Amino acid sequence: MEEVAANFPKREVAASLDRIKALGFRYASQSGLTISINDVRTPPDKQSILDRYEKEAEKGRSPVKRGIITDDERRQKEIEIGPRPTPRSGRRWRSRCPPSPSTHWT
């Protein structure tokens, strides 16, 4: 998806994601796969992660107030500064949230 997002217009990326989501719902319901709320883990440092991104998002609000950028442009910037999964972040996540008996890390 990173390659698609980098090389195609946002409208096409959104349409692709919607199609992938639809496929996921279709096949997940056929497979019998279930996910319990107990399978979803919250990292211990969640608040510091959220604080870091909120600080970045705050930087975009001032130009809107001054009329330099539109609110839509601000929203787009907030999406762009959001967390991006990387191999390092995956390893970090697994070390902070060890699997339960019902999960399996690959």
N, C-alpha and C. Protein backbone atom coordinates (compact mmCIF):
# COMPACT_ATOMS: atom_id res chain seq x y z
N MET A 1 0.81 -1.19 0.00
CA MET A 1 0.00 0.00 0.00
C MET A 1 0.86 1.25 0.00
N GLU A 2 2.02 1.17 0.61
CA GLU A 2 2.90 2.35 0.63
C GLU A 2 3.24 2.77 -0.80
N GLU A 3 3.50 1.79 -1.64
CA GLU A 3 3.84 2.08 -3.03
C GLU A 3 2.64 2.69 -3.76
N VAL A 4 1.46 2.15 -3.50
CA VAL A 4 0.24 2.68 -4.13
C VAL A 4 0.03 4.12 -3.68
N ALA A 5 0.15 4.37 -2.38
CA ALA A 5 -0.07 5.72 -1.85
C ALA A 5 0.94 6.72 -2.41
N ALA A 6 2.15 6.26 -2.67
CA ALA A 6 3.19 7.16 -3.17
C ALA A 6 3.04 7.45 -4.67
N ASN A 7 2.39 6.54 -5.40
CA ASN A 7 2.39 6.66 -6.86
C ASN A 7 1.04 6.92 -7.51
N PHE A 8 -0.03 6.99 -6.72
CA PHE A 8 -1.35 7.19 -7.29
C PHE A 8 -2.07 8.31 -6.56
N PRO A 9 -3.05 8.93 -7.22
CA PRO A 9 -3.83 9.99 -6.56
C PRO A 9 -4.58 9.44 -5.35
N LYS A 10 -4.79 10.31 -4.38
CA LYS A 10 -5.44 9.90 -3.13
C LYS A 10 -6.81 9.27 -3.37
N ARG A 11 -7.52 9.75 -4.36
CA ARG A 11 -8.84 9.19 -4.66
C ARG A 11 -8.72 7.72 -5.05
N GLU A 12 -7.72 7.39 -5.86
CA GLU A 12 -7.51 6.00 -6.28
C GLU A 12 -7.03 5.15 -5.11
N VAL A 13 -6.20 5.72 -4.26
CA VAL A 13 -5.72 4.99 -3.08
C VAL A 13 -6.91 4.66 -2.18
N ALA A 14 -7.78 5.65 -1.96
CA ALA A 14 -8.95 5.41 -1.11
C ALA A 14 -9.85 4.33 -1.70
N ALA A 15 -10.06 4.37 -3.02
CA ALA A 15 -10.90 3.35 -3.67
C ALA A 15 -10.26 1.97 -3.52
N SER A 16 -8.93 1.89 -3.65
CA SER A 16 -8.24 0.61 -3.50
C SER A 16 -8.40 0.08 -2.08
N LEU A 17 -8.24 0.96 -1.11
CA LEU A 17 -8.39 0.54 0.29
C LEU A 17 -9.81 0.05 0.57
N ASP A 18 -10.79 0.74 -0.02
CA ASP A 18 -12.18 0.30 0.17
C ASP A 18 -12.41 -1.09 -0.41
N ARG A 19 -11.82 -1.35 -1.57
CA ARG A 19 -11.96 -2.68 -2.19
C ARG A 19 -11.27 -3.76 -1.34
N ILE A 20 -10.10 -3.43 -0.81
CA ILE A 20 -9.38 -4.39 0.05
C ILE A 20 -10.20 -4.66 1.30
N LYS A 21 -10.77 -3.61 1.89
CA LYS A 21 -11.60 -3.77 3.08
C LYS A 21 -12.80 -4.66 2.78
N ALA A 22 -13.46 -4.43 1.65
CA ALA A 22 -14.62 -5.25 1.28
C ALA A 22 -14.22 -6.72 1.13
N LEU A 23 -13.07 -6.97 0.51
CA LEU A 23 -12.59 -8.35 0.38
C LEU A 23 -12.33 -8.95 1.76
N GLY A 24 -11.74 -8.16 2.64
CA GLY A 24 -11.46 -8.64 3.99
C GLY A 24 -12.73 -9.03 4.72
N PHE A 25 -13.77 -8.19 4.63
CA PHE A 25 -15.03 -8.52 5.28
C PHE A 25 -15.64 -9.77 4.68
N ARG A 26 -15.59 -9.86 3.36
CA ARG A 26 -16.19 -11.01 2.68
C ARG A 26 -15.53 -12.31 3.14
N TYR A 27 -14.21 -12.36 3.07
CA TYR A 27 -13.52 -13.61 3.38
C TYR A 27 -13.40 -13.87 4.88
N ALA A 28 -13.37 -12.83 5.68
CA ALA A 28 -13.33 -13.03 7.14
C ALA A 28 -14.63 -13.69 7.60
N SER A 29 -15.75 -13.26 7.00
CA SER A 29 -17.02 -13.86 7.41
C SER A 29 -17.12 -15.31 6.94
N GLN A 30 -16.48 -15.65 5.84
CA GLN A 30 -16.50 -17.02 5.34
C GLN A 30 -15.55 -17.92 6.12
N SER A 31 -14.48 -17.33 6.65
CA SER A 31 -13.46 -18.14 7.32
C SER A 31 -13.84 -18.52 8.75
N GLY A 32 -14.72 -17.76 9.35
CA GLY A 32 -15.07 -18.02 10.74
C GLY A 32 -14.08 -17.41 11.72
N LEU A 33 -13.18 -16.57 11.24
CA LEU A 33 -12.19 -15.91 12.09
C LEU A 33 -12.89 -14.92 13.01
N THR A 34 -12.50 -14.92 14.25
CA THR A 34 -13.04 -13.94 15.19
C THR A 34 -11.90 -13.25 15.93
N ILE A 35 -12.15 -12.03 16.33
CA ILE A 35 -11.19 -11.27 17.12
C ILE A 35 -11.94 -10.75 18.33
N SER A 36 -11.43 -11.07 19.49
CA SER A 36 -12.04 -10.64 20.74
C SER A 36 -11.39 -9.33 21.19
N ILE A 37 -12.11 -8.56 21.96
CA ILE A 37 -11.53 -7.33 22.52
C ILE A 37 -10.33 -7.68 23.39
N ASN A 38 -10.31 -8.87 23.94
CA ASN A 38 -9.17 -9.29 24.75
C ASN A 38 -7.93 -9.54 23.91
N ASP A 39 -8.11 -9.72 22.59
CA ASP A 39 -6.97 -9.91 21.69
C ASP A 39 -6.29 -8.58 21.34
N VAL A 40 -6.98 -7.49 21.58
CA VAL A 40 -6.45 -6.16 21.23
C VAL A 40 -5.69 -5.63 22.44
N ARG A 41 -4.42 -5.39 22.24
CA ARG A 41 -3.57 -4.93 23.34
C ARG A 41 -3.26 -3.44 23.19
N THR A 42 -3.21 -2.75 24.31
CA THR A 42 -2.85 -1.34 24.33
C THR A 42 -1.41 -1.23 24.82
N PRO A 43 -0.55 -0.56 24.04
CA PRO A 43 0.84 -0.45 24.49
C PRO A 43 0.93 0.40 25.76
N PRO A 44 1.85 0.06 26.64
CA PRO A 44 1.99 0.81 27.89
C PRO A 44 2.30 2.29 27.67
N ASP A 45 2.97 2.61 26.57
CA ASP A 45 3.35 4.00 26.31
C ASP A 45 2.39 4.70 25.36
N LYS A 46 1.13 4.25 25.33
CA LYS A 46 0.14 4.81 24.42
C LYS A 46 0.02 6.33 24.57
N GLN A 47 -0.07 6.80 25.81
CA GLN A 47 -0.27 8.23 26.02
C GLN A 47 0.90 9.06 25.48
N SER A 48 2.12 8.60 25.66
CA SER A 48 3.26 9.37 25.14
C SER A 48 3.26 9.36 23.61
N ILE A 49 2.82 8.27 23.01
CA ILE A 49 2.71 8.21 21.54
C ILE A 49 1.67 9.21 21.07
N LEU A 50 0.49 9.21 21.71
CA LEU A 50 -0.57 10.15 21.34
C LEU A 50 -0.14 11.60 21.56
N ASP A 51 0.55 11.86 22.66
CA ASP A 51 1.02 13.22 22.95
C ASP A 51 1.98 13.72 21.86
N ARG A 52 2.86 12.83 21.39
CA ARG A 52 3.82 13.21 20.36
C ARG A 52 3.09 13.61 19.07
N TYR A 53 2.10 12.83 18.66
CA TYR A 53 1.38 13.16 17.43
C TYR A 53 0.47 14.36 17.61
N GLU A 54 -0.08 14.53 18.80
CA GLU A 54 -0.92 15.70 19.05
C GLU A 54 -0.08 16.98 18.97
N LYS A 55 1.15 16.92 19.47
CA LYS A 55 2.06 18.08 19.40
C LYS A 55 2.33 18.44 17.93
N GLU A 56 2.56 17.42 17.10
CA GLU A 56 2.78 17.66 15.67
C GLU A 56 1.53 18.24 15.01
N ALA A 57 0.37 17.72 15.37
CA ALA A 57 -0.89 18.20 14.79
C ALA A 57 -1.14 19.66 15.18
N GLU A 58 -0.78 20.01 16.39
CA GLU A 58 -0.99 21.38 16.87
C GLU A 58 -0.25 22.40 16.01
N LYS A 59 0.92 22.01 15.49
CA LYS A 59 1.70 22.91 14.63
C LYS A 59 0.92 23.30 13.39
N GLY A 60 0.02 22.44 12.93
CA GLY A 60 -0.75 22.73 11.73
C GLY A 60 -1.96 23.61 11.96
N ARG A 61 -2.34 23.79 13.22
CA ARG A 61 -3.54 24.58 13.51
C ARG A 61 -3.30 26.08 13.42
N SER A 62 -2.11 26.50 13.73
CA SER A 62 -1.80 27.93 13.69
C SER A 62 -1.90 28.51 12.27
N PRO A 63 -1.35 27.84 11.24
CA PRO A 63 -1.49 28.38 9.89
C PRO A 63 -2.95 28.48 9.43
N VAL A 64 -3.82 27.62 9.94
CA VAL A 64 -5.25 27.70 9.58
C VAL A 64 -5.83 28.95 10.19
N LYS A 65 -5.50 29.20 11.47
CA LYS A 65 -6.02 30.39 12.15
C LYS A 65 -5.57 31.67 11.45
N ARG A 66 -4.36 31.65 10.89
CA ARG A 66 -3.83 32.83 10.21
C ARG A 66 -4.25 32.89 8.75
N GLY A 67 -4.96 31.86 8.27
CA GLY A 67 -5.45 31.86 6.89
C GLY A 67 -4.41 31.45 5.86
N ILE A 68 -3.31 30.87 6.30
CA ILE A 68 -2.25 30.46 5.37
C ILE A 68 -2.62 29.19 4.63
N ILE A 69 -3.26 28.26 5.35
CA ILE A 69 -3.74 27.02 4.73
C ILE A 69 -5.20 26.81 5.10
N THR A 70 -5.89 26.00 4.31
CA THR A 70 -7.30 25.71 4.60
C THR A 70 -7.39 24.60 5.63
N ASP A 71 -8.59 24.44 6.17
CA ASP A 71 -8.80 23.37 7.14
C ASP A 71 -8.63 22.00 6.48
N ASP A 72 -9.01 21.88 5.21
CA ASP A 72 -8.81 20.61 4.49
C ASP A 72 -7.32 20.29 4.35
N GLU A 73 -6.51 21.32 4.07
CA GLU A 73 -5.06 21.11 3.97
C GLU A 73 -4.49 20.69 5.33
N ARG A 74 -5.01 21.28 6.40
CA ARG A 74 -4.56 20.91 7.75
C ARG A 74 -4.88 19.45 8.03
N ARG A 75 -6.09 19.03 7.68
CA ARG A 75 -6.48 17.63 7.90
C ARG A 75 -5.56 16.69 7.14
N GLN A 76 -5.24 17.05 5.89
CA GLN A 76 -4.36 16.21 5.08
C GLN A 76 -2.98 16.10 5.73
N LYS A 77 -2.47 17.21 6.25
CA LYS A 77 -1.18 17.19 6.93
C LYS A 77 -1.22 16.30 8.17
N GLU A 78 -2.34 16.33 8.90
CA GLU A 78 -2.46 15.48 10.09
C GLU A 78 -2.44 14.00 9.70
N ILE A 79 -3.05 13.68 8.59
CA ILE A 79 -3.02 12.29 8.12
C ILE A 79 -1.59 11.91 7.77
N GLU A 80 -0.89 12.82 7.11
CA GLU A 80 0.48 12.53 6.68
C GLU A 80 1.46 12.38 7.84
N ILE A 81 1.21 13.08 8.97
CA ILE A 81 2.14 12.97 10.10
C ILE A 81 1.82 11.77 10.97
N GLY A 82 0.71 11.11 10.70
CA GLY A 82 0.31 9.96 11.50
C GLY A 82 1.34 8.85 11.47
N PRO A 83 1.22 7.93 12.39
CA PRO A 83 2.21 6.84 12.48
C PRO A 83 2.22 5.97 11.23
N ARG A 84 3.40 5.57 10.83
CA ARG A 84 3.59 4.68 9.69
C ARG A 84 4.21 3.39 10.21
N PRO A 85 3.60 2.26 9.89
CA PRO A 85 4.20 1.01 10.35
C PRO A 85 5.52 0.74 9.66
N THR A 86 6.49 0.29 10.42
CA THR A 86 7.80 -0.07 9.89
C THR A 86 8.22 -1.38 10.54
N PRO A 87 9.20 -2.07 9.99
CA PRO A 87 9.68 -3.29 10.67
C PRO A 87 10.11 -3.01 12.11
N ARG A 88 10.73 -1.85 12.32
CA ARG A 88 11.18 -1.49 13.68
C ARG A 88 9.99 -1.30 14.61
N SER A 89 8.95 -0.58 14.13
CA SER A 89 7.79 -0.36 15.00
C SER A 89 7.08 -1.68 15.29
N GLY A 90 7.08 -2.61 14.31
CA GLY A 90 6.48 -3.92 14.54
C GLY A 90 7.22 -4.69 15.62
N ARG A 91 8.54 -4.66 15.57
CA ARG A 91 9.34 -5.34 16.60
C ARG A 91 9.09 -4.70 17.97
N ARG A 92 9.03 -3.36 17.97
CA ARG A 92 8.82 -2.63 19.21
C ARG A 92 7.43 -3.00 19.78
N TRP A 93 6.43 -3.06 18.92
CA TRP A 93 5.07 -3.41 19.36
C TRP A 93 5.05 -4.80 19.97
N ARG A 94 5.70 -5.76 19.30
CA ARG A 94 5.70 -7.13 19.81
C ARG A 94 6.42 -7.22 21.15
N SER A 95 7.48 -6.43 21.34
CA SER A 95 8.20 -6.49 22.62
C SER A 95 7.40 -5.85 23.74
N ARG A 96 6.58 -4.86 23.41
CA ARG A 96 5.78 -4.19 24.44
C ARG A 96 4.49 -4.93 24.75
N CYS A 97 3.98 -5.64 23.79
CA CYS A 97 2.71 -6.34 23.96
C CYS A 97 2.91 -7.80 23.62
N PRO A 98 3.47 -8.56 24.54
CA PRO A 98 3.71 -9.97 24.25
C PRO A 98 2.41 -10.68 23.89
N PRO A 99 2.49 -11.68 23.03
CA PRO A 99 1.26 -12.35 22.59
C PRO A 99 0.59 -13.10 23.73
N SER A 100 -0.71 -13.16 23.64
CA SER A 100 -1.48 -13.97 24.57
C SER A 100 -1.61 -15.37 23.98
N PRO A 101 -2.17 -16.31 24.71
CA PRO A 101 -2.31 -17.66 24.15
C PRO A 101 -3.13 -17.69 22.86
N SER A 102 -3.98 -16.67 22.64
CA SER A 102 -4.84 -16.70 21.46
C SER A 102 -4.24 -15.92 20.28
N THR A 103 -3.03 -15.38 20.43
CA THR A 103 -2.42 -14.63 19.31
C THR A 103 -1.15 -15.32 18.85
N HIS A 104 -0.81 -15.02 17.62
CA HIS A 104 0.41 -15.59 17.04
C HIS A 104 1.09 -14.52 16.21
N TRP A 105 2.32 -14.17 16.54
CA TRP A 105 3.08 -13.18 15.78
C TRP A 105 3.82 -13.88 14.65
N THR A 106 3.79 -13.27 13.48
CA THR A 106 4.56 -13.82 12.36
C THR A 106 5.65 -12.88 11.99
